[in-house]
Amino acid sequence: MLNLDFAFLTPEVLSSYVLKGLLFSLQLTVFAMLGASPSAPSWR
């Protein structure tokens, strides 16, 4: 079967990836809000 070694998943690694993912999702949310604003040029 799959003998995966998760020893590299230390709390520091997990927290850094979670933090990066959270910041990335916040950036996407901000860009989506800016892109959906009525003053933004439409691509249609």
N, C-alpha and C. Protein backbone atom coordinates (compact mmCIF):
# COMPACT_ATOMS: atom_id res chain seq x y z
N MET A 1 0.84 -1.19 0.00
CA MET A 1 0.00 0.00 0.00
C MET A 1 0.88 1.25 0.00
N LEU A 2 0.25 2.37 0.30
CA LEU A 2 0.98 3.64 0.32
C LEU A 2 1.64 3.84 1.68
N ASN A 3 2.94 3.84 1.68
CA ASN A 3 3.69 4.10 2.90
C ASN A 3 4.20 5.53 2.87
N LEU A 4 3.33 6.47 3.19
CA LEU A 4 3.70 7.88 3.15
C LEU A 4 4.26 8.31 4.49
N ASP A 5 5.31 9.11 4.43
CA ASP A 5 5.95 9.62 5.64
C ASP A 5 5.56 11.09 5.81
N PHE A 6 4.77 11.35 6.84
CA PHE A 6 4.30 12.71 7.08
C PHE A 6 5.15 13.43 8.12
N ALA A 7 6.38 12.99 8.32
CA ALA A 7 7.24 13.61 9.32
C ALA A 7 7.60 15.05 8.97
N PHE A 8 7.53 15.38 7.66
CA PHE A 8 7.87 16.75 7.27
C PHE A 8 6.75 17.73 7.60
N LEU A 9 5.57 17.22 7.94
CA LEU A 9 4.45 18.11 8.25
C LEU A 9 4.54 18.59 9.69
N THR A 10 5.49 19.46 9.93
CA THR A 10 5.64 20.04 11.25
C THR A 10 4.64 21.18 11.39
N PRO A 11 4.34 21.61 12.61
CA PRO A 11 3.42 22.74 12.79
C PRO A 11 3.87 24.00 12.06
N GLU A 12 5.19 24.20 11.96
CA GLU A 12 5.69 25.39 11.25
C GLU A 12 5.36 25.31 9.77
N VAL A 13 5.56 24.13 9.17
CA VAL A 13 5.26 23.96 7.75
C VAL A 13 3.77 24.13 7.50
N LEU A 14 2.96 23.48 8.32
CA LEU A 14 1.51 23.57 8.15
C LEU A 14 1.03 25.01 8.29
N SER A 15 1.51 25.72 9.32
CA SER A 15 1.05 27.08 9.55
C SER A 15 1.49 28.00 8.42
N SER A 16 2.70 27.78 7.87
CA SER A 16 3.15 28.65 6.78
C SER A 16 2.31 28.42 5.54
N TYR A 17 1.97 27.16 5.23
CA TYR A 17 1.14 26.90 4.06
C TYR A 17 -0.27 27.40 4.27
N VAL A 18 -0.81 27.24 5.46
CA VAL A 18 -2.16 27.74 5.75
C VAL A 18 -2.19 29.25 5.64
N LEU A 19 -1.16 29.91 6.15
CA LEU A 19 -1.11 31.37 6.09
C LEU A 19 -0.99 31.84 4.65
N LYS A 20 -0.15 31.17 3.85
CA LYS A 20 -0.02 31.55 2.44
C LYS A 20 -1.33 31.34 1.70
N GLY A 21 -2.00 30.25 1.97
CA GLY A 21 -3.28 29.98 1.32
C GLY A 21 -4.33 30.98 1.72
N LEU A 22 -4.34 31.38 2.98
CA LEU A 22 -5.31 32.36 3.45
C LEU A 22 -5.06 33.71 2.79
N LEU A 23 -3.80 34.13 2.73
CA LEU A 23 -3.49 35.41 2.08
C LEU A 23 -3.84 35.37 0.60
N PHE A 24 -3.58 34.23 -0.05
CA PHE A 24 -3.91 34.10 -1.46
C PHE A 24 -5.41 34.20 -1.69
N SER A 25 -6.19 33.56 -0.84
CA SER A 25 -7.64 33.61 -1.00
C SER A 25 -8.17 35.01 -0.72
N LEU A 26 -7.56 35.72 0.23
CA LEU A 26 -7.97 37.10 0.48
C LEU A 26 -7.67 37.98 -0.73
N GLN A 27 -6.51 37.77 -1.36
CA GLN A 27 -6.18 38.54 -2.56
C GLN A 27 -7.17 38.26 -3.67
N LEU A 28 -7.54 37.00 -3.86
CA LEU A 28 -8.51 36.66 -4.89
C LEU A 28 -9.85 37.32 -4.61
N THR A 29 -10.25 37.35 -3.35
CA THR A 29 -11.52 37.98 -2.99
C THR A 29 -11.50 39.47 -3.31
N VAL A 30 -10.39 40.13 -2.98
CA VAL A 30 -10.28 41.57 -3.25
C VAL A 30 -10.32 41.82 -4.75
N PHE A 31 -9.57 41.03 -5.53
CA PHE A 31 -9.56 41.22 -6.98
C PHE A 31 -10.93 40.94 -7.58
N ALA A 32 -11.64 39.96 -7.04
CA ALA A 32 -12.97 39.65 -7.55
C ALA A 32 -13.94 40.80 -7.24
N MET A 33 -13.81 41.38 -6.06
CA MET A 33 -14.67 42.51 -5.72
C MET A 33 -14.36 43.71 -6.61
N LEU A 34 -13.07 43.95 -6.87
CA LEU A 34 -12.70 45.06 -7.74
C LEU A 34 -13.17 44.80 -9.17
N GLY A 35 -13.05 43.57 -9.60
CA GLY A 35 -13.46 43.23 -10.96
C GLY A 35 -14.96 43.29 -11.16
N ALA A 36 -15.72 43.14 -10.08
CA ALA A 36 -17.17 43.14 -10.18
C ALA A 36 -17.76 44.53 -9.95
N SER A 37 -16.91 45.52 -9.70
CA SER A 37 -17.43 46.86 -9.44
C SER A 37 -17.99 47.47 -10.72
N PRO A 38 -19.04 48.26 -10.61
CA PRO A 38 -19.67 48.84 -11.80
C PRO A 38 -18.75 49.78 -12.57
N SER A 39 -17.78 50.39 -11.89
CA SER A 39 -16.90 51.33 -12.56
C SER A 39 -15.80 50.63 -13.36
N ALA A 40 -15.64 49.33 -13.16
CA ALA A 40 -14.60 48.60 -13.88
C ALA A 40 -15.02 48.41 -15.34
N PRO A 41 -14.06 48.45 -16.25
CA PRO A 41 -14.41 48.23 -17.67
C PRO A 41 -14.92 46.82 -17.89
N SER A 42 -15.93 46.70 -18.70
CA SER A 42 -16.51 45.39 -18.97
C SER A 42 -15.78 44.72 -20.12
N TRP A 43 -15.58 43.41 -20.04
CA TRP A 43 -14.89 42.68 -21.10
C TRP A 43 -15.87 42.07 -22.08
N ARG A 44 -17.16 42.36 -21.92
CA ARG A 44 -18.17 41.80 -22.83
C ARG A 44 -18.26 42.58 -24.12
